[in-house]
């Protein structure tokens, strides 16, 4: 009589477990957490994204902002009006093209962004509490690679 235990099958996840599903779920939950974390600073998640894009890329047109924030040009324009009203961004005519308006981060925008970065970093640490800095960098590189692989414009 063989009394050796057979290896047990891996526990079955409750619900879909494909990568696309999990990334979608993560996106949904992360947006909720970020919305809650940014609310005390007076920013929405799209506004935080836009301000972060300006910090990373400098001055952009509305069309460039829309593409980089994954919003429609109309939504980006409304967001720009709101952020300009709060003094977080400034609009100036493009010196090389009369019809293009360049949008850039102001000192007030940099300040509110720095305040919010603390909350976003805390949410990211909560999301991946066991990752060290090297593992975070590896994950970030893998995620960028996934975006590039599926995107025309990349990240």
Protein backbone atom coordinates (compact mmCIF):
# COMPACT_ATOMS: atom_id res chain seq x y z
CA UNK A 1 0.00 0.00 0.00
CA UNK A 2 1.45 3.35 -1.10
CA UNK A 3 0.94 6.01 1.58
CA UNK A 4 2.80 8.80 -0.20
CA UNK A 5 0.66 11.88 -0.64
CA UNK A 6 -0.12 13.01 -4.15
CA UNK A 7 0.74 16.63 -4.85
CA UNK A 8 -2.40 18.68 -4.57
CA UNK A 9 -3.66 20.70 -7.51
CA UNK A 10 -3.16 24.46 -7.25
CA UNK A 11 -6.05 26.24 -5.61
CA UNK A 12 -8.52 27.46 -8.18
CA UNK A 13 -9.01 31.20 -8.25
CA UNK A 14 -12.52 32.45 -7.66
CA UNK A 15 -13.32 34.18 -10.94
CA UNK A 16 -11.40 34.94 -14.10
CA UNK A 17 -7.63 34.92 -13.75
CA UNK A 18 -6.23 35.86 -17.16
CA UNK A 19 -3.66 38.65 -17.22
CA UNK A 20 -5.93 40.97 -19.23
CA UNK A 21 -8.73 40.52 -16.70
CA UNK A 22 -6.42 41.07 -13.73
CA UNK A 23 -4.85 44.18 -15.25
CA UNK A 24 -8.34 45.54 -15.92
CA UNK A 25 -9.41 44.81 -12.34
CA UNK A 26 -6.24 46.42 -11.03
CA UNK A 27 -6.90 49.51 -13.17
CA UNK A 28 -10.43 49.78 -11.76
CA UNK A 29 -9.40 49.37 -8.11
CA UNK A 30 -6.34 51.60 -8.49
CA UNK A 31 -8.43 54.43 -9.96
CA UNK A 32 -10.77 54.21 -6.97
CA UNK A 33 -7.86 54.30 -4.49
CA UNK A 34 -6.15 57.17 -6.32
CA UNK A 35 -9.42 59.12 -6.48
CA UNK A 36 -9.71 58.84 -2.70
CA UNK A 37 -6.03 59.67 -2.13
CA UNK A 38 -6.06 62.73 -4.43
CA UNK A 39 -9.39 64.19 -3.33
CA UNK A 40 -7.96 66.04 -0.28
CA UNK A 41 -5.52 67.82 -2.65
CA UNK A 42 -8.38 68.90 -4.92
CA UNK A 43 -7.19 66.84 -7.91
CA UNK A 44 -8.93 64.22 -9.98
CA UNK A 45 -7.01 61.21 -11.31
CA UNK A 46 -6.99 62.61 -14.89
CA UNK A 47 -5.70 65.96 -13.58
CA UNK A 48 -2.92 64.25 -11.64
CA UNK A 49 -2.04 62.28 -14.77
CA UNK A 50 -1.98 65.46 -16.85
CA UNK A 51 0.20 67.35 -14.38
CA UNK A 52 2.56 64.36 -14.25
CA UNK A 53 2.74 64.33 -18.05
CA UNK A 54 3.64 68.04 -18.09
CA UNK A 55 6.38 67.42 -15.52
CA UNK A 56 7.80 64.57 -17.60
CA UNK A 57 7.47 66.13 -21.06
CA UNK A 58 7.45 69.89 -20.48
CA UNK A 59 5.24 72.06 -22.63
CA UNK A 60 2.63 70.24 -24.76
CA UNK A 61 -0.26 71.10 -27.04
CA UNK A 62 -3.81 70.07 -26.14
CA UNK A 63 -3.68 67.30 -28.77
CA UNK A 64 -0.43 65.93 -27.32
CA UNK A 65 -1.88 66.09 -23.82
CA UNK A 66 -5.00 64.21 -24.90
CA UNK A 67 -2.91 61.46 -26.46
CA UNK A 68 -0.61 61.10 -23.45
CA UNK A 69 -3.47 61.14 -20.90
CA UNK A 70 -5.65 58.77 -22.94
CA UNK A 71 -8.53 61.24 -23.14
CA UNK A 72 -10.35 62.86 -26.02
CA UNK A 73 -9.17 66.31 -27.17
CA UNK A 74 -12.47 67.73 -25.90
CA UNK A 75 -12.00 66.20 -22.44
CA UNK A 76 -8.39 67.36 -22.34
CA UNK A 77 -9.52 70.88 -23.24
CA UNK A 78 -12.06 70.94 -20.41
CA UNK A 79 -9.46 69.62 -17.99
CA UNK A 80 -7.00 72.30 -19.15
CA UNK A 81 -9.58 75.03 -18.51
CA UNK A 82 -10.16 73.73 -14.98
CA UNK A 83 -6.45 73.41 -14.20
CA UNK A 84 -5.68 76.83 -15.66
CA UNK A 85 -8.43 78.32 -13.48
CA UNK A 86 -6.68 76.85 -10.43
CA UNK A 87 -3.33 78.22 -11.55
CA UNK A 88 -1.71 74.81 -12.02
CA UNK A 89 -0.90 75.30 -15.71
CA UNK A 90 -0.31 78.20 -18.10
CA UNK A 91 -1.15 78.44 -21.79
CA UNK A 92 1.09 80.36 -24.20
CA UNK A 93 1.07 80.66 -27.99
CA UNK A 94 3.50 78.35 -29.79
CA UNK A 95 6.29 80.55 -31.24
CA UNK A 96 6.50 78.44 -34.42
CA UNK A 97 2.81 77.91 -35.14
CA UNK A 98 0.19 80.59 -34.56
CA UNK A 99 -2.76 78.27 -33.99
CA UNK A 100 -1.12 75.94 -31.47
CA UNK A 101 -1.20 76.78 -27.77
CA UNK A 102 1.50 75.27 -25.58
CA UNK A 103 0.51 74.25 -22.06
CA UNK A 104 3.00 73.99 -19.23
CA UNK A 105 3.13 73.40 -15.50
CA UNK A 106 3.27 76.42 -13.18
CA UNK A 107 4.96 76.62 -9.78
CA UNK A 108 1.54 76.11 -8.18
CA UNK A 109 1.04 73.02 -10.36
CA UNK A 110 4.43 71.67 -9.33
CA UNK A 111 3.56 72.23 -5.67
CA UNK A 112 0.20 70.43 -5.81
CA UNK A 113 1.79 67.65 -7.85
CA UNK A 114 4.54 67.19 -5.23
CA UNK A 115 1.89 67.03 -2.49
CA UNK A 116 -0.04 64.39 -4.41
CA UNK A 117 3.06 62.37 -5.29
CA UNK A 118 3.31 61.42 -1.61
CA UNK A 119 -0.22 59.98 -1.65
CA UNK A 120 0.31 58.17 -4.95
CA UNK A 121 3.59 56.65 -3.72
CA UNK A 122 1.81 55.38 -0.59
CA UNK A 123 -0.88 53.77 -2.75
CA UNK A 124 1.80 52.14 -4.92
CA UNK A 125 3.58 50.78 -1.82
CA UNK A 126 0.27 49.39 -0.59
CA UNK A 127 -0.32 47.75 -3.98
CA UNK A 128 3.06 45.97 -3.98
CA UNK A 129 4.21 45.86 -0.34
CA UNK A 130 6.76 43.06 -0.80
CA UNK A 131 8.71 44.56 -3.72
CA UNK A 132 12.09 46.16 -3.12
CA UNK A 133 13.32 49.05 -5.29
CA UNK A 134 15.00 46.76 -7.83
CA UNK A 135 11.87 44.64 -8.18
CA UNK A 136 9.75 47.80 -8.58
CA UNK A 137 12.06 48.99 -11.35
CA UNK A 138 11.82 45.59 -13.06
CA UNK A 139 8.02 45.60 -12.82
CA UNK A 140 7.88 49.15 -14.15
CA UNK A 141 10.06 48.17 -17.12
CA UNK A 142 7.86 45.15 -17.83
CA UNK A 143 4.71 47.25 -17.71
CA UNK A 144 6.24 49.86 -20.04
CA UNK A 145 7.20 47.04 -22.39
CA UNK A 146 3.64 45.71 -22.36
CA UNK A 147 2.26 49.16 -23.17
CA UNK A 148 4.77 49.61 -25.99
CA UNK A 149 3.96 46.17 -27.40
CA UNK A 150 0.24 46.97 -27.62
CA UNK A 151 0.45 50.66 -28.41
CA UNK A 152 1.11 52.62 -31.56
CA UNK A 153 2.61 55.59 -29.73
CA UNK A 154 4.25 53.73 -26.82
CA UNK A 155 5.10 55.21 -23.44
